[in-house]
N, C-alpha and C. Protein backbone atom coordinates (compact mmCIF):
# COMPACT_ATOMS: atom_id res chain seq x y z
N UNK A 1 59.61 -20.91 -9.29
CA UNK A 1 59.70 -19.80 -10.22
C UNK A 1 58.69 -18.73 -9.84
N UNK A 2 59.07 -17.57 -10.26
CA UNK A 2 58.21 -16.43 -10.00
C UNK A 2 57.17 -16.30 -11.10
N UNK A 3 55.96 -16.10 -10.71
CA UNK A 3 54.90 -15.79 -11.67
C UNK A 3 54.71 -14.28 -11.68
N UNK A 4 54.92 -13.70 -12.82
CA UNK A 4 54.76 -12.25 -12.90
C UNK A 4 53.51 -11.92 -13.70
N UNK A 5 52.87 -10.88 -13.27
CA UNK A 5 51.67 -10.44 -14.00
C UNK A 5 52.11 -9.67 -15.23
N UNK A 6 51.27 -9.60 -16.25
CA UNK A 6 51.65 -8.86 -17.45
C UNK A 6 51.87 -7.38 -17.11
N UNK A 7 52.85 -6.81 -17.77
CA UNK A 7 53.19 -5.42 -17.49
C UNK A 7 52.13 -4.48 -18.06
N UNK A 8 51.93 -3.41 -17.34
CA UNK A 8 51.02 -2.39 -17.82
C UNK A 8 51.71 -1.60 -18.93
N UNK A 9 50.92 -1.15 -19.86
CA UNK A 9 51.47 -0.36 -20.94
C UNK A 9 51.96 0.97 -20.39
N UNK A 10 53.13 1.38 -20.83
CA UNK A 10 53.70 2.63 -20.38
C UNK A 10 53.73 3.63 -21.53
N UNK A 11 53.53 4.89 -21.19
CA UNK A 11 53.58 5.93 -22.21
C UNK A 11 52.32 5.96 -23.05
N UNK A 12 52.40 6.61 -24.15
CA UNK A 12 51.26 6.71 -25.06
C UNK A 12 50.34 7.86 -24.71
N UNK A 13 49.28 8.00 -25.46
CA UNK A 13 48.33 9.09 -25.26
C UNK A 13 47.16 8.58 -24.42
N UNK A 14 46.81 9.34 -23.41
CA UNK A 14 45.67 8.98 -22.60
C UNK A 14 44.46 9.83 -23.00
N UNK A 15 44.48 11.07 -22.62
CA UNK A 15 43.37 11.96 -22.93
C UNK A 15 43.90 13.11 -23.78
N UNK A 16 44.07 12.86 -25.04
CA UNK A 16 44.61 13.89 -25.93
C UNK A 16 43.52 14.91 -26.22
N UNK A 17 43.83 16.17 -25.95
CA UNK A 17 42.87 17.24 -26.19
C UNK A 17 42.84 17.63 -27.66
N UNK A 18 44.00 17.59 -28.30
CA UNK A 18 44.10 17.94 -29.71
C UNK A 18 44.19 16.65 -30.52
N UNK A 19 43.22 16.45 -31.39
CA UNK A 19 43.17 15.22 -32.18
C UNK A 19 43.76 15.47 -33.57
N UNK A 20 43.83 14.41 -34.35
CA UNK A 20 44.34 14.54 -35.72
C UNK A 20 43.44 15.43 -36.57
N UNK A 21 42.14 15.42 -36.28
CA UNK A 21 41.21 16.28 -37.03
C UNK A 21 41.52 17.76 -36.75
N UNK A 22 41.85 18.07 -35.51
CA UNK A 22 42.19 19.45 -35.17
C UNK A 22 43.46 19.89 -35.90
N UNK A 23 44.46 19.02 -35.88
CA UNK A 23 45.74 19.35 -36.53
C UNK A 23 45.54 19.48 -38.05
N UNK A 24 44.75 18.59 -38.63
CA UNK A 24 44.49 18.67 -40.07
C UNK A 24 43.79 19.98 -40.42
N UNK A 25 42.85 20.40 -39.58
CA UNK A 25 42.16 21.67 -39.79
C UNK A 25 43.15 22.84 -39.74
N UNK A 26 44.04 22.80 -38.75
CA UNK A 26 45.03 23.88 -38.63
C UNK A 26 45.99 23.90 -39.82
N UNK A 27 46.39 22.73 -40.28
CA UNK A 27 47.29 22.68 -41.44
C UNK A 27 46.61 23.20 -42.69
N UNK A 28 45.31 22.93 -42.83
CA UNK A 28 44.56 23.50 -43.96
C UNK A 28 44.53 25.03 -43.87
N UNK A 29 44.33 25.52 -42.65
CA UNK A 29 44.32 26.98 -42.45
C UNK A 29 45.69 27.58 -42.77
N UNK A 30 46.76 26.87 -42.40
CA UNK A 30 48.11 27.36 -42.70
C UNK A 30 48.36 27.35 -44.20
N UNK A 31 47.85 26.33 -44.90
CA UNK A 31 48.02 26.28 -46.35
C UNK A 31 47.28 27.43 -47.03
N UNK A 32 46.15 27.85 -46.45
CA UNK A 32 45.40 28.98 -47.00
C UNK A 32 46.11 30.30 -46.72
N UNK A 33 46.65 30.43 -45.51
CA UNK A 33 47.31 31.67 -45.10
C UNK A 33 48.58 31.30 -44.34
N UNK A 34 49.71 31.41 -44.99
CA UNK A 34 50.97 30.99 -44.37
C UNK A 34 51.44 31.98 -43.31
N UNK A 35 50.80 33.12 -43.18
CA UNK A 35 51.18 34.11 -42.16
C UNK A 35 50.34 33.98 -40.90
N UNK A 36 49.64 32.89 -40.75
CA UNK A 36 48.77 32.67 -39.60
C UNK A 36 49.60 32.55 -38.33
N UNK A 37 49.23 33.30 -37.29
CA UNK A 37 49.95 33.29 -36.02
C UNK A 37 49.35 32.25 -35.08
N UNK A 38 50.10 31.89 -34.06
CA UNK A 38 49.63 30.88 -33.10
C UNK A 38 48.37 31.34 -32.39
N UNK A 39 48.29 32.63 -32.04
CA UNK A 39 47.08 33.14 -31.39
C UNK A 39 45.87 32.98 -32.30
N UNK A 40 46.05 33.20 -33.58
CA UNK A 40 44.94 33.05 -34.52
C UNK A 40 44.54 31.59 -34.65
N UNK A 41 45.50 30.67 -34.55
CA UNK A 41 45.17 29.25 -34.59
C UNK A 41 44.37 28.83 -33.36
N UNK A 42 44.76 29.35 -32.20
CA UNK A 42 44.01 29.07 -30.97
C UNK A 42 42.59 29.58 -31.11
N UNK A 43 42.46 30.80 -31.62
CA UNK A 43 41.13 31.39 -31.80
C UNK A 43 40.31 30.64 -32.85
N UNK A 44 40.95 30.01 -33.82
CA UNK A 44 40.22 29.26 -34.85
C UNK A 44 39.69 27.94 -34.31
N UNK A 45 40.39 27.33 -33.36
CA UNK A 45 39.93 26.05 -32.82
C UNK A 45 38.74 26.19 -31.89
N UNK A 46 38.67 27.29 -31.15
CA UNK A 46 37.62 27.44 -30.14
C UNK A 46 36.21 27.39 -30.71
N UNK A 47 35.85 28.20 -31.71
CA UNK A 47 34.46 28.16 -32.17
C UNK A 47 34.12 26.89 -32.95
N UNK A 48 35.07 26.35 -33.68
CA UNK A 48 34.77 25.21 -34.53
C UNK A 48 34.70 23.90 -33.76
N UNK A 49 35.66 23.67 -32.85
CA UNK A 49 35.75 22.39 -32.14
C UNK A 49 35.44 22.51 -30.65
N UNK A 50 35.21 23.72 -30.16
CA UNK A 50 34.97 23.97 -28.74
C UNK A 50 36.10 23.40 -27.88
N UNK A 51 37.32 23.67 -28.31
CA UNK A 51 38.51 23.21 -27.62
C UNK A 51 39.35 24.44 -27.28
N UNK A 52 39.75 24.54 -26.02
CA UNK A 52 40.62 25.63 -25.60
C UNK A 52 41.99 25.05 -25.28
N UNK A 53 42.99 25.47 -26.04
CA UNK A 53 44.35 24.98 -25.85
C UNK A 53 45.30 26.17 -25.83
N UNK A 54 46.50 25.92 -25.39
CA UNK A 54 47.51 26.98 -25.34
C UNK A 54 48.24 27.08 -26.68
N UNK A 55 48.94 28.18 -26.85
CA UNK A 55 49.74 28.36 -28.06
C UNK A 55 50.84 27.31 -28.14
N UNK A 56 51.42 26.98 -26.98
CA UNK A 56 52.52 26.01 -26.96
C UNK A 56 52.03 24.63 -27.39
N UNK A 57 50.82 24.26 -26.99
CA UNK A 57 50.25 22.97 -27.41
C UNK A 57 50.11 22.92 -28.92
N UNK A 58 49.60 23.99 -29.49
CA UNK A 58 49.44 24.05 -30.95
C UNK A 58 50.81 23.96 -31.62
N UNK A 59 51.78 24.68 -31.08
CA UNK A 59 53.13 24.66 -31.66
C UNK A 59 53.71 23.25 -31.65
N UNK A 60 53.53 22.52 -30.55
CA UNK A 60 54.05 21.15 -30.47
C UNK A 60 53.40 20.25 -31.52
N UNK A 61 52.10 20.38 -31.69
CA UNK A 61 51.40 19.53 -32.67
C UNK A 61 51.77 19.90 -34.10
N UNK A 62 51.92 21.19 -34.38
CA UNK A 62 52.31 21.62 -35.72
C UNK A 62 53.75 21.19 -36.01
N UNK A 63 54.63 21.34 -35.01
CA UNK A 63 56.02 20.89 -35.18
C UNK A 63 56.08 19.39 -35.42
N UNK A 64 55.17 18.65 -34.80
CA UNK A 64 55.14 17.20 -35.00
C UNK A 64 54.82 16.81 -36.42
N UNK A 65 54.19 17.69 -37.16
CA UNK A 65 53.88 17.45 -38.57
C UNK A 65 54.90 18.08 -39.51
N UNK A 66 56.05 18.44 -38.98
CA UNK A 66 57.17 18.99 -39.74
C UNK A 66 56.88 20.38 -40.33
N UNK A 67 56.04 21.14 -39.68
CA UNK A 67 55.84 22.54 -40.02
C UNK A 67 56.57 23.37 -38.98
N UNK A 68 57.15 24.47 -39.38
CA UNK A 68 57.78 25.36 -38.42
C UNK A 68 57.05 26.69 -38.43
N UNK A 69 56.91 27.24 -37.25
CA UNK A 69 56.23 28.51 -37.09
C UNK A 69 57.28 29.55 -36.74
N UNK A 70 57.30 30.63 -37.47
CA UNK A 70 58.23 31.72 -37.21
C UNK A 70 57.46 32.93 -36.70
N UNK A 71 58.16 33.80 -36.00
CA UNK A 71 57.54 35.03 -35.53
C UNK A 71 57.28 35.94 -36.72
N UNK A 72 56.15 36.63 -36.66
CA UNK A 72 55.85 37.59 -37.71
C UNK A 72 56.38 38.96 -37.29
N UNK A 73 56.87 39.71 -38.24
CA UNK A 73 57.39 41.04 -37.97
C UNK A 73 56.34 42.05 -38.38
N UNK A 74 56.09 43.00 -37.50
CA UNK A 74 55.03 43.98 -37.75
C UNK A 74 55.32 44.84 -38.98
N UNK A 75 56.51 45.38 -39.05
CA UNK A 75 56.84 46.28 -40.15
C UNK A 75 58.18 45.87 -40.74
N UNK A 76 58.14 45.12 -41.80
CA UNK A 76 59.38 44.67 -42.41
C UNK A 76 59.87 45.63 -43.49
N UNK A 77 59.13 46.68 -43.74
CA UNK A 77 59.49 47.61 -44.80
C UNK A 77 60.33 48.78 -44.28
N UNK A 78 60.68 48.78 -43.00
CA UNK A 78 61.42 49.91 -42.44
C UNK A 78 62.81 50.03 -43.04
N UNK A 79 63.37 48.94 -43.55
CA UNK A 79 64.72 48.99 -44.11
C UNK A 79 64.75 49.77 -45.42
N UNK A 80 63.65 49.81 -46.13
CA UNK A 80 63.64 50.43 -47.45
C UNK A 80 63.05 51.83 -47.46
N UNK A 81 62.86 52.42 -46.29
CA UNK A 81 62.38 53.79 -46.26
C UNK A 81 63.45 54.72 -46.84
N UNK A 82 63.05 55.77 -47.50
CA UNK A 82 64.04 56.67 -48.12
C UNK A 82 65.05 57.23 -47.11
N UNK A 83 64.59 57.56 -45.90
CA UNK A 83 65.51 58.10 -44.89
C UNK A 83 66.58 57.08 -44.53
N UNK A 84 66.18 55.83 -44.37
CA UNK A 84 67.13 54.78 -44.01
C UNK A 84 68.10 54.47 -45.15
N UNK A 85 67.62 54.56 -46.37
CA UNK A 85 68.51 54.32 -47.50
C UNK A 85 69.59 55.40 -47.58
N UNK A 86 69.20 56.64 -47.29
CA UNK A 86 70.17 57.74 -47.29
C UNK A 86 71.18 57.53 -46.17
N UNK A 87 70.70 57.14 -44.99
CA UNK A 87 71.62 56.87 -43.87
C UNK A 87 72.60 55.76 -44.21
N UNK A 88 72.12 54.70 -44.83
CA UNK A 88 73.00 53.59 -45.21
C UNK A 88 74.03 54.04 -46.23
N UNK A 89 73.59 54.81 -47.22
CA UNK A 89 74.52 55.31 -48.23
C UNK A 89 75.59 56.18 -47.61
N UNK A 90 75.17 57.10 -46.71
CA UNK A 90 76.14 57.97 -46.05
C UNK A 90 77.12 57.17 -45.20
N UNK A 91 76.64 56.13 -44.55
CA UNK A 91 77.53 55.29 -43.74
C UNK A 91 78.57 54.61 -44.62
N UNK A 92 78.14 54.08 -45.75
CA UNK A 92 79.07 53.39 -46.66
C UNK A 92 80.11 54.38 -47.20
N UNK A 93 79.67 55.58 -47.57
CA UNK A 93 80.61 56.59 -48.08
C UNK A 93 81.64 56.93 -47.01
N UNK A 94 81.18 57.14 -45.76
CA UNK A 94 82.10 57.45 -44.67
C UNK A 94 83.04 56.29 -44.39
N UNK A 95 82.53 55.08 -44.43
CA UNK A 95 83.36 53.90 -44.18
C UNK A 95 84.44 53.75 -45.24
N UNK A 96 84.08 53.91 -46.49
CA UNK A 96 85.07 53.80 -47.56
C UNK A 96 86.11 54.92 -47.48
N UNK A 97 85.67 56.12 -47.10
CA UNK A 97 86.62 57.23 -46.94
C UNK A 97 87.59 56.93 -45.80
N UNK A 98 87.09 56.39 -44.70
CA UNK A 98 87.95 56.04 -43.57
C UNK A 98 88.95 54.96 -43.96
N UNK A 99 88.48 53.94 -44.68
CA UNK A 99 89.39 52.86 -45.11
C UNK A 99 90.49 53.39 -46.03
N UNK A 100 90.13 54.31 -46.91
CA UNK A 100 91.15 54.84 -47.82
C UNK A 100 92.16 55.69 -47.06
N UNK A 101 91.73 56.43 -46.02
CA UNK A 101 92.66 57.20 -45.20
C UNK A 101 93.61 56.28 -44.44
N UNK A 102 93.10 55.16 -43.93
CA UNK A 102 93.93 54.21 -43.18
C UNK A 102 94.95 53.57 -44.11
N UNK A 103 94.55 53.25 -45.33
CA UNK A 103 95.47 52.64 -46.29
C UNK A 103 96.56 53.61 -46.71
N UNK A 104 96.22 54.90 -46.84
CA UNK A 104 97.22 55.90 -47.23
C UNK A 104 98.23 56.11 -46.09
N UNK A 105 97.74 56.12 -44.85
CA UNK A 105 98.61 56.33 -43.69
C UNK A 105 99.53 55.15 -43.46
N UNK A 106 99.13 53.98 -43.87
CA UNK A 106 99.95 52.79 -43.60
C UNK A 106 101.03 52.57 -44.58
């Protein structure tokens, strides 16, 4: 019979740069400010834990805790500017006029 040596463990974490304490700190920061960007999270880890990681690393760890990070929009109020509201209204008026002309012609 063959004598086999015990198998080496495969997979798992070897030298994890981001620990559970780091992720818990980031989640606390997200709970305080839900608009926190990935760059701000990277910048928050450096002075406190002296750890330099990429945005993608942070995203993977945050996603692992069932949080999702969305892109922030610089100016979300552009849709409600008075000029844009007038343009939208004029478009709707023209569209309805065109539809009524098509219905009359048919």
